Protein backbone atom coordinates (compact mmCIF):
# COMPACT_ATOMS: atom_id res chain seq x y z
CA MET A 1 22.15 -1.81 -88.23
CA ILE A 2 19.03 -0.85 -86.32
CA MET A 3 16.89 -3.56 -84.89
CA PRO A 4 13.14 -3.18 -85.00
CA PRO A 5 11.43 -3.00 -81.58
CA MET A 6 10.38 -6.35 -80.24
CA LYS A 7 6.81 -6.96 -79.29
CA PHE A 8 6.10 -9.02 -76.21
CA LYS A 9 2.86 -10.88 -75.78
CA ALA A 10 1.62 -11.49 -72.29
CA ALA A 11 0.66 -15.07 -71.76
CA ALA A 12 -2.90 -14.75 -70.55
CA SER A 13 -3.79 -18.28 -69.83
CA GLY A 14 -7.10 -19.20 -68.25
CA SER A 15 -5.55 -20.60 -65.06
CA SER A 16 -3.64 -17.40 -64.17
CA ARG A 17 -6.76 -15.28 -64.70
CA LEU A 18 -8.70 -17.62 -62.46
CA GLY A 19 -6.04 -17.38 -59.72
CA VAL A 20 -5.99 -13.58 -59.85
CA GLY A 21 -9.80 -13.52 -59.74
CA LEU A 22 -9.92 -15.83 -56.71
CA VAL A 23 -7.31 -13.80 -54.81
CA THR A 24 -9.17 -10.58 -55.59
CA ALA A 25 -12.50 -12.09 -54.44
CA LEU A 26 -10.86 -13.34 -51.23
CA VAL A 27 -9.40 -9.89 -50.44
CA TRP A 28 -12.76 -8.20 -51.02
CA ALA A 29 -14.57 -10.81 -48.91
CA LEU A 30 -12.14 -10.21 -46.03
CA ALA A 31 -12.57 -6.45 -46.33
CA ALA A 32 -16.38 -6.75 -46.35
CA GLY A 33 -16.31 -9.16 -43.37
CA GLY A 34 -14.09 -6.80 -41.36
CA ALA A 35 -16.32 -3.83 -42.14
CA LEU A 36 -19.42 -5.83 -41.15
CA TYR A 37 -17.81 -7.01 -37.89
CA TRP A 38 -16.73 -3.52 -36.79
CA GLY A 39 -20.00 -1.98 -37.94
CA LEU A 40 -22.01 -4.39 -35.80
CA ARG A 41 -19.63 -4.01 -32.87
CA ALA A 42 -19.86 -0.20 -32.96
CA GLY A 43 -23.63 -0.38 -32.53
CA GLN A 44 -23.47 -2.44 -29.33
CA PRO A 45 -23.12 -0.93 -25.84
CA PRO A 46 -19.82 -1.68 -24.07
CA ALA A 47 -19.69 -4.85 -21.99
CA PRO A 48 -20.31 -4.19 -18.27
CA SER A 49 -17.23 -4.44 -16.09
CA LEU A 50 -17.16 -7.18 -13.51
CA PRO A 51 -17.04 -6.30 -9.81
CA PRO A 52 -13.75 -7.00 -8.05
CA ALA A 53 -13.31 -10.51 -6.76
CA VAL A 54 -14.12 -10.87 -3.09
CA GLY A 55 -12.30 -13.49 -1.07
CA ASP A 56 -13.79 -15.62 1.65
CA ALA A 57 -13.71 -13.49 4.82
CA GLY A 58 -14.04 -16.58 7.04
CA THR A 59 -10.57 -17.89 6.19
CA ALA A 60 -7.86 -16.49 8.44
CA VAL A 61 -4.25 -16.66 7.26
CA ASN A 62 -1.35 -16.58 9.68
CA ALA A 63 1.07 -14.27 7.85
CA GLN A 64 4.02 -15.22 10.08
CA ALA A 65 3.52 -18.94 9.40
CA VAL A 66 3.34 -18.30 5.64
CA ALA A 67 6.46 -16.14 5.77
CA HIS A 68 8.31 -18.82 7.73
CA ALA A 69 7.21 -21.48 5.21
CA LEU A 70 8.63 -19.31 2.42
CA GLY A 71 12.02 -19.09 4.16
CA VAL A 72 11.84 -15.91 6.23
CA PRO A 73 13.55 -16.56 9.60
CA ARG A 74 11.42 -16.21 12.68
CA THR A 75 12.28 -13.20 14.82
CA ALA A 76 9.71 -13.74 17.52
CA GLN A 77 10.47 -11.44 20.38
CA PRO A 78 8.10 -11.14 23.34
CA GLY A 79 7.69 -7.36 22.98
CA ALA A 80 7.49 -7.30 19.17
CA SER A 81 3.78 -8.02 18.88
CA GLN A 82 2.77 -5.37 21.40
CA PRO A 83 3.70 -2.31 19.22
CA GLN A 84 2.09 -4.02 16.23
CA ALA A 85 -1.12 -4.56 18.17
CA ALA A 86 -0.94 -1.00 19.47
CA ILE A 87 -0.69 0.56 15.99
CA ALA A 88 -3.29 -1.82 14.56
CA SER A 89 -5.77 -0.78 17.26
CA ARG A 90 -5.14 2.94 16.65
CA VAL A 91 -5.34 2.98 12.83
CA ARG A 92 -8.45 2.27 10.77
CA LEU A 93 -8.30 1.61 7.02
CA SER A 94 -11.11 3.36 5.12
CA GLY A 95 -10.03 2.90 1.51
CA VAL A 96 -7.19 1.99 -0.84
CA VAL A 97 -5.99 2.95 -4.30
CA THR A 98 -3.48 0.58 -5.87
CA HIS A 99 -1.30 1.22 -8.89
CA GLY A 100 1.47 -1.24 -9.63
CA ALA A 101 3.96 -1.17 -6.77
CA GLY A 102 2.61 2.19 -5.55
CA GLY A 103 -0.71 3.29 -4.24
CA ALA A 104 -2.33 5.15 -1.39
CA ALA A 105 -4.36 4.27 1.67
CA LEU A 106 -7.06 6.31 3.40
CA LEU A 107 -6.19 5.95 7.10
CA SER A 108 -7.82 7.28 10.24
CA VAL A 109 -5.47 7.52 13.24
CA ASP A 110 -6.93 7.65 16.78
CA GLY A 111 -10.47 8.34 15.49
CA LYS A 112 -9.48 11.48 13.58
CA PRO A 113 -10.89 12.09 10.09
CA PRO A 114 -9.22 9.85 7.49
CA LYS A 115 -6.30 11.21 5.46
CA PRO A 116 -4.62 9.75 2.37
CA TYR A 117 -1.10 8.32 2.78
CA ARG A 118 1.03 7.24 -0.20
CA VAL A 119 3.49 4.36 -0.10
CA GLY A 120 6.54 5.65 1.78
CA ALA A 121 4.65 8.28 3.81
CA GLN A 122 4.98 8.39 7.60
CA VAL A 123 1.70 7.72 9.40
CA GLU A 124 2.43 7.96 13.14
CA ASP A 125 5.42 7.52 15.49
CA GLY A 126 7.82 6.22 12.82
CA TRP A 127 5.27 3.91 11.19
CA VAL A 128 5.57 4.18 7.39
CA VAL A 129 3.21 2.88 4.69
CA GLN A 130 5.22 0.00 3.24
CA ALA A 131 2.75 -1.46 0.71
CA VAL A 132 -0.88 -1.13 -0.34
CA THR A 133 -2.89 -4.10 -1.61
CA GLN A 134 -6.51 -4.35 -2.73
CA HIS A 135 -7.88 -4.90 0.78
CA ALA A 136 -5.04 -4.08 3.18
CA VAL A 137 -2.15 -1.77 3.99
CA GLU A 138 1.24 -2.83 5.33
CA LEU A 139 2.91 -0.52 7.86
CA ALA A 140 6.53 -0.80 9.00
CA ALA A 141 8.60 0.79 11.74
CA GLY A 142 12.15 -0.51 11.50
CA ALA A 143 11.94 -4.31 11.75
CA GLN A 144 8.36 -4.23 13.06
CA ARG A 145 5.51 -4.81 10.64
CA ALA A 146 1.75 -4.40 10.92
CA SER A 147 -0.98 -5.29 8.45
CA ILE A 148 -4.30 -3.45 8.62
CA GLU A 149 -7.13 -4.93 6.60
CA MET A 150 -10.21 -3.25 5.18
CA PRO A 151 -13.26 -3.99 7.32
CA PRO A 152 -15.94 -6.21 5.74
CA PRO A 153 -18.62 -4.31 3.74
CA ALA A 154 -21.20 -4.85 6.50
CA GLU A 155 -18.99 -3.06 9.05
CA ARG A 156 -18.07 -0.09 6.87
CA THR A 157 -19.72 3.16 7.83
CA SER A 158 -21.56 5.54 5.58
CA PRO A 159 -20.12 9.04 4.97
CA ALA A 160 -22.78 10.53 7.27
CA ALA A 161 -21.78 8.23 10.14
CA SER A 162 -18.09 9.16 9.84
CA GLN A 163 -18.73 12.91 10.23
CA PRO A 164 -17.72 14.56 13.50
CA ALA A 165 -20.47 15.22 16.05
CA GLY A 166 -22.25 18.53 15.65
CA THR A 167 -21.71 18.68 11.88
CA PRO A 168 -24.94 18.82 9.89
CA PRO A 169 -25.32 15.88 7.52
CA GLN A 170 -24.64 16.61 3.87
CA PRO A 171 -27.65 16.17 1.58
CA ALA A 172 -27.45 13.28 -0.83
CA ALA A 173 -26.33 14.22 -4.30
CA GLN A 174 -29.14 14.39 -6.81
CA PRO A 175 -28.69 12.40 -10.00
CA PRO A 176 -27.99 14.56 -13.04
CA VAL A 177 -30.97 15.51 -15.15
CA THR A 178 -30.66 14.24 -18.68
CA ALA A 179 -32.46 15.60 -21.68
CA PRO A 180 -34.63 13.21 -23.69
CA PRO A 181 -33.04 11.97 -26.91
CA PRO A 182 -33.72 14.13 -29.96
CA MET A 183 -36.68 13.12 -32.06
CA SER A 184 -35.98 11.97 -35.58
CA MET A 185 -37.96 13.58 -38.34
CA PRO A 186 -39.38 11.42 -41.12
CA ARG A 187 -37.53 11.79 -44.38
CA LYS A 188 -39.22 13.12 -47.45
CA ARG A 189 -38.99 10.89 -50.46
C-alpha cells in the first residue's frame, strides 16, 4: 500500500513574523551604524601623538639608596666610585633608542664624535652597555656600574655645534616642496 505524500503547513503566526522582522531590523541598524561610524572616522585626520613625558629634572635620586632599600647589599668600597666617576666624566650621552630589553645609545667618548653602541657592546676599557632607558644608559665593568643621563634640553648642542673645528657647517635642509591639491571640476548634470 502506497501512502500519499503528506503536506506540511508552516505555522505562520503573527508573533513569529514580528520577531523575525525585529531581529532583521536590528541587524540592519547595526550594519548601518557601523558603516556610518567608520565612514566618519575615515574622513578625520589621525589624532596627533603626544610628546614623551618629561620628568622633573630638579629631583635627584640616589640610586644606591634605592637599590639598598630594595634589598641589594651595599658593596661600598673606597676606590669603587673613582672608576665610575672617571668613566662618567669621559662619556657623553647624545641620544638613545629603546626597544623592549634592547636598544642603543649614541655615546661620545673623550670628546670624539658620537658613535652608536647597542646593549652588550664594549664602549671603553672593559665598560659595556648594560641597559638603555629613555633618558639614560647604564654601563658596567665587572661589578662596577655607571649611569650616564641625557643632558637637559637646554644643555644639548645643535648638530652644527658638535662638528669638529675646521669643518664647514652643513646647510639646513629645505622643506620638501609640495604640489597644490588637484582642482575638482564641476560635474555636468
